[in-house]
Amino acid sequence: MSTACLNGLTATYRQQVVATNTVDFTKLQPQDVERLVPTNQLDIDWSASFLLRIVDDVKLLPIP
């Protein structure tokens, strides 16, 4: 099983996943998740990424 889906999960939950060889995200609880803040270069697949920019107070001009 790929370990990418286990990133950010607690050690206890990861052990359960390894034992059963399944990840049931419908039963995932907030206490099963730990926040990971990477300290090194992120491995991002830019071909599958997009940028969402939120801008406040934008004046849109009508299209003639």
N, C-alpha and C. Protein backbone atom coordinates (compact mmCIF):
# COMPACT_ATOMS: atom_id res chain seq x y z
N MET A 1 0.85 -1.17 0.00
CA MET A 1 0.00 0.00 0.00
C MET A 1 0.89 1.23 0.00
N SER A 2 0.47 2.25 -0.73
CA SER A 2 1.21 3.50 -0.76
C SER A 2 1.12 4.18 0.59
N THR A 3 2.23 4.73 1.03
CA THR A 3 2.22 5.39 2.33
C THR A 3 1.79 6.85 2.24
N ALA A 4 1.55 7.37 1.03
CA ALA A 4 1.15 8.77 0.89
C ALA A 4 -0.17 9.05 1.60
N CYS A 5 -1.07 8.10 1.62
CA CYS A 5 -2.36 8.31 2.27
C CYS A 5 -2.25 8.25 3.78
N LEU A 6 -1.10 7.87 4.32
CA LEU A 6 -0.92 7.77 5.76
C LEU A 6 -0.29 9.03 6.36
N ASN A 7 0.17 9.95 5.51
CA ASN A 7 0.77 11.18 6.01
C ASN A 7 -0.24 11.97 6.83
N GLY A 8 0.17 12.40 8.00
CA GLY A 8 -0.70 13.20 8.85
C GLY A 8 -1.57 12.39 9.79
N LEU A 9 -1.47 11.07 9.73
CA LEU A 9 -2.27 10.23 10.63
C LEU A 9 -1.42 9.83 11.83
N THR A 10 -2.07 9.59 12.95
CA THR A 10 -1.34 9.20 14.16
C THR A 10 -0.72 7.82 13.98
N ALA A 11 0.27 7.54 14.80
CA ALA A 11 0.95 6.24 14.71
C ALA A 11 -0.02 5.10 14.98
N THR A 12 -0.94 5.29 15.91
CA THR A 12 -1.92 4.25 16.22
C THR A 12 -2.78 3.93 15.02
N TYR A 13 -3.26 4.97 14.34
CA TYR A 13 -4.11 4.74 13.17
C TYR A 13 -3.31 4.12 12.02
N ARG A 14 -2.05 4.54 11.86
CA ARG A 14 -1.20 3.93 10.82
C ARG A 14 -0.98 2.45 11.08
N GLN A 15 -0.79 2.06 12.34
CA GLN A 15 -0.62 0.65 12.68
C GLN A 15 -1.88 -0.14 12.34
N GLN A 16 -3.03 0.46 12.60
CA GLN A 16 -4.30 -0.19 12.26
C GLN A 16 -4.43 -0.38 10.75
N VAL A 17 -4.01 0.61 9.99
CA VAL A 17 -4.07 0.53 8.53
C VAL A 17 -3.14 -0.56 8.03
N VAL A 18 -1.95 -0.63 8.57
CA VAL A 18 -1.00 -1.66 8.16
C VAL A 18 -1.52 -3.05 8.50
N ALA A 19 -2.14 -3.19 9.67
CA ALA A 19 -2.65 -4.50 10.11
C ALA A 19 -3.81 -4.98 9.23
N THR A 20 -4.69 -4.05 8.83
CA THR A 20 -5.86 -4.45 8.04
C THR A 20 -5.66 -4.24 6.54
N ASN A 21 -4.62 -3.50 6.17
CA ASN A 21 -4.31 -3.18 4.78
C ASN A 21 -5.46 -2.42 4.11
N THR A 22 -6.20 -1.65 4.91
CA THR A 22 -7.27 -0.82 4.38
C THR A 22 -7.30 0.52 5.11
N VAL A 23 -7.73 1.55 4.40
CA VAL A 23 -7.93 2.87 4.99
C VAL A 23 -9.40 3.21 4.77
N ASP A 24 -10.14 3.31 5.85
CA ASP A 24 -11.55 3.65 5.76
C ASP A 24 -11.71 5.09 6.22
N PHE A 25 -11.71 6.02 5.25
CA PHE A 25 -11.79 7.43 5.58
C PHE A 25 -13.16 7.82 6.13
N THR A 26 -14.16 6.97 5.97
CA THR A 26 -15.48 7.29 6.53
C THR A 26 -15.50 7.12 8.05
N LYS A 27 -14.55 6.37 8.58
CA LYS A 27 -14.48 6.16 10.03
C LYS A 27 -13.36 6.96 10.68
N LEU A 28 -12.71 7.81 9.92
CA LEU A 28 -11.61 8.62 10.43
C LEU A 28 -12.15 9.69 11.38
N GLN A 29 -11.54 9.80 12.53
CA GLN A 29 -11.95 10.76 13.55
C GLN A 29 -10.89 11.85 13.69
N PRO A 30 -11.28 13.05 14.16
CA PRO A 30 -10.29 14.13 14.32
C PRO A 30 -9.09 13.73 15.18
N GLN A 31 -9.30 12.89 16.18
CA GLN A 31 -8.18 12.48 17.03
C GLN A 31 -7.21 11.53 16.31
N ASP A 32 -7.60 11.02 15.14
CA ASP A 32 -6.72 10.14 14.36
C ASP A 32 -5.76 10.92 13.47
N VAL A 33 -5.94 12.24 13.44
CA VAL A 33 -5.15 13.07 12.53
C VAL A 33 -4.23 13.97 13.34
N GLU A 34 -3.00 14.03 12.90
CA GLU A 34 -2.05 14.97 13.50
C GLU A 34 -1.55 15.88 12.38
N ARG A 35 -1.37 17.10 12.69
CA ARG A 35 -0.97 18.06 11.67
C ARG A 35 0.54 17.98 11.48
N LEU A 36 0.95 17.81 10.24
CA LEU A 36 2.36 17.78 9.89
C LEU A 36 2.72 19.06 9.16
N VAL A 37 3.74 19.73 9.62
CA VAL A 37 4.24 20.92 8.93
C VAL A 37 5.60 20.56 8.38
N PRO A 38 5.70 20.43 7.05
CA PRO A 38 6.98 20.04 6.47
C PRO A 38 8.04 21.12 6.68
N THR A 39 9.24 20.68 6.95
CA THR A 39 10.33 21.62 7.17
C THR A 39 11.32 21.62 6.01
N ASN A 40 11.08 20.78 5.04
CA ASN A 40 11.98 20.72 3.90
C ASN A 40 11.19 21.05 2.63
N GLN A 41 11.81 20.93 1.51
CA GLN A 41 11.18 21.24 0.22
C GLN A 41 9.97 20.33 0.00
N LEU A 42 8.85 20.92 -0.39
CA LEU A 42 7.65 20.14 -0.65
C LEU A 42 7.76 19.44 -2.00
N ASP A 43 7.28 18.23 -2.05
CA ASP A 43 7.23 17.47 -3.29
C ASP A 43 5.84 17.65 -3.89
N ILE A 44 5.70 18.64 -4.77
CA ILE A 44 4.40 18.98 -5.33
C ILE A 44 4.35 18.61 -6.80
N ASP A 45 3.28 17.96 -7.20
CA ASP A 45 3.05 17.66 -8.61
C ASP A 45 2.35 18.87 -9.23
N TRP A 46 3.14 19.77 -9.81
CA TRP A 46 2.59 21.02 -10.33
C TRP A 46 1.65 20.80 -11.50
N SER A 47 1.75 19.68 -12.18
CA SER A 47 0.85 19.43 -13.31
C SER A 47 -0.57 19.15 -12.82
N ALA A 48 -0.72 18.80 -11.55
CA ALA A 48 -2.04 18.51 -11.00
C ALA A 48 -2.47 19.54 -9.97
N SER A 49 -1.76 20.68 -9.93
CA SER A 49 -2.05 21.72 -8.94
C SER A 49 -2.67 22.93 -9.62
N PHE A 50 -3.40 23.68 -8.86
CA PHE A 50 -3.94 24.93 -9.37
C PHE A 50 -3.91 25.97 -8.26
N LEU A 51 -3.98 27.22 -8.67
CA LEU A 51 -3.91 28.33 -7.73
C LEU A 51 -5.29 28.94 -7.59
N LEU A 52 -5.73 29.11 -6.37
CA LEU A 52 -6.99 29.76 -6.08
C LEU A 52 -6.66 31.06 -5.36
N ARG A 53 -7.01 32.14 -5.99
CA ARG A 53 -6.71 33.44 -5.41
C ARG A 53 -8.01 34.13 -5.03
N ILE A 54 -8.08 34.55 -3.80
CA ILE A 54 -9.27 35.24 -3.31
C ILE A 54 -8.91 36.71 -3.17
N VAL A 55 -9.68 37.55 -3.85
CA VAL A 55 -9.43 38.98 -3.84
C VAL A 55 -10.66 39.68 -3.29
N ASP A 56 -10.44 40.56 -2.35
CA ASP A 56 -11.54 41.33 -1.77
C ASP A 56 -11.68 42.67 -2.49
N ASP A 57 -12.91 43.18 -2.52
CA ASP A 57 -13.21 44.51 -3.06
C ASP A 57 -12.75 44.67 -4.51
N VAL A 58 -13.07 43.73 -5.34
CA VAL A 58 -12.70 43.80 -6.76
C VAL A 58 -13.82 44.51 -7.52
N LYS A 59 -13.45 45.50 -8.29
CA LYS A 59 -14.42 46.20 -9.12
C LYS A 59 -14.37 45.58 -10.51
N LEU A 60 -15.46 44.96 -10.91
CA LEU A 60 -15.54 44.33 -12.22
C LEU A 60 -16.18 45.28 -13.20
N LEU A 61 -15.57 45.40 -14.35
CA LEU A 61 -16.12 46.24 -15.41
C LEU A 61 -17.06 45.42 -16.27
N PRO A 62 -18.17 46.01 -16.68
CA PRO A 62 -19.10 45.25 -17.54
C PRO A 62 -18.45 44.96 -18.88
N ILE A 63 -18.80 43.82 -19.44
CA ILE A 63 -18.30 43.43 -20.77
C ILE A 63 -19.19 44.10 -21.81
N PRO A 64 -18.58 44.91 -22.72
CA PRO A 64 -19.40 45.61 -23.74
C PRO A 64 -20.03 44.67 -24.74
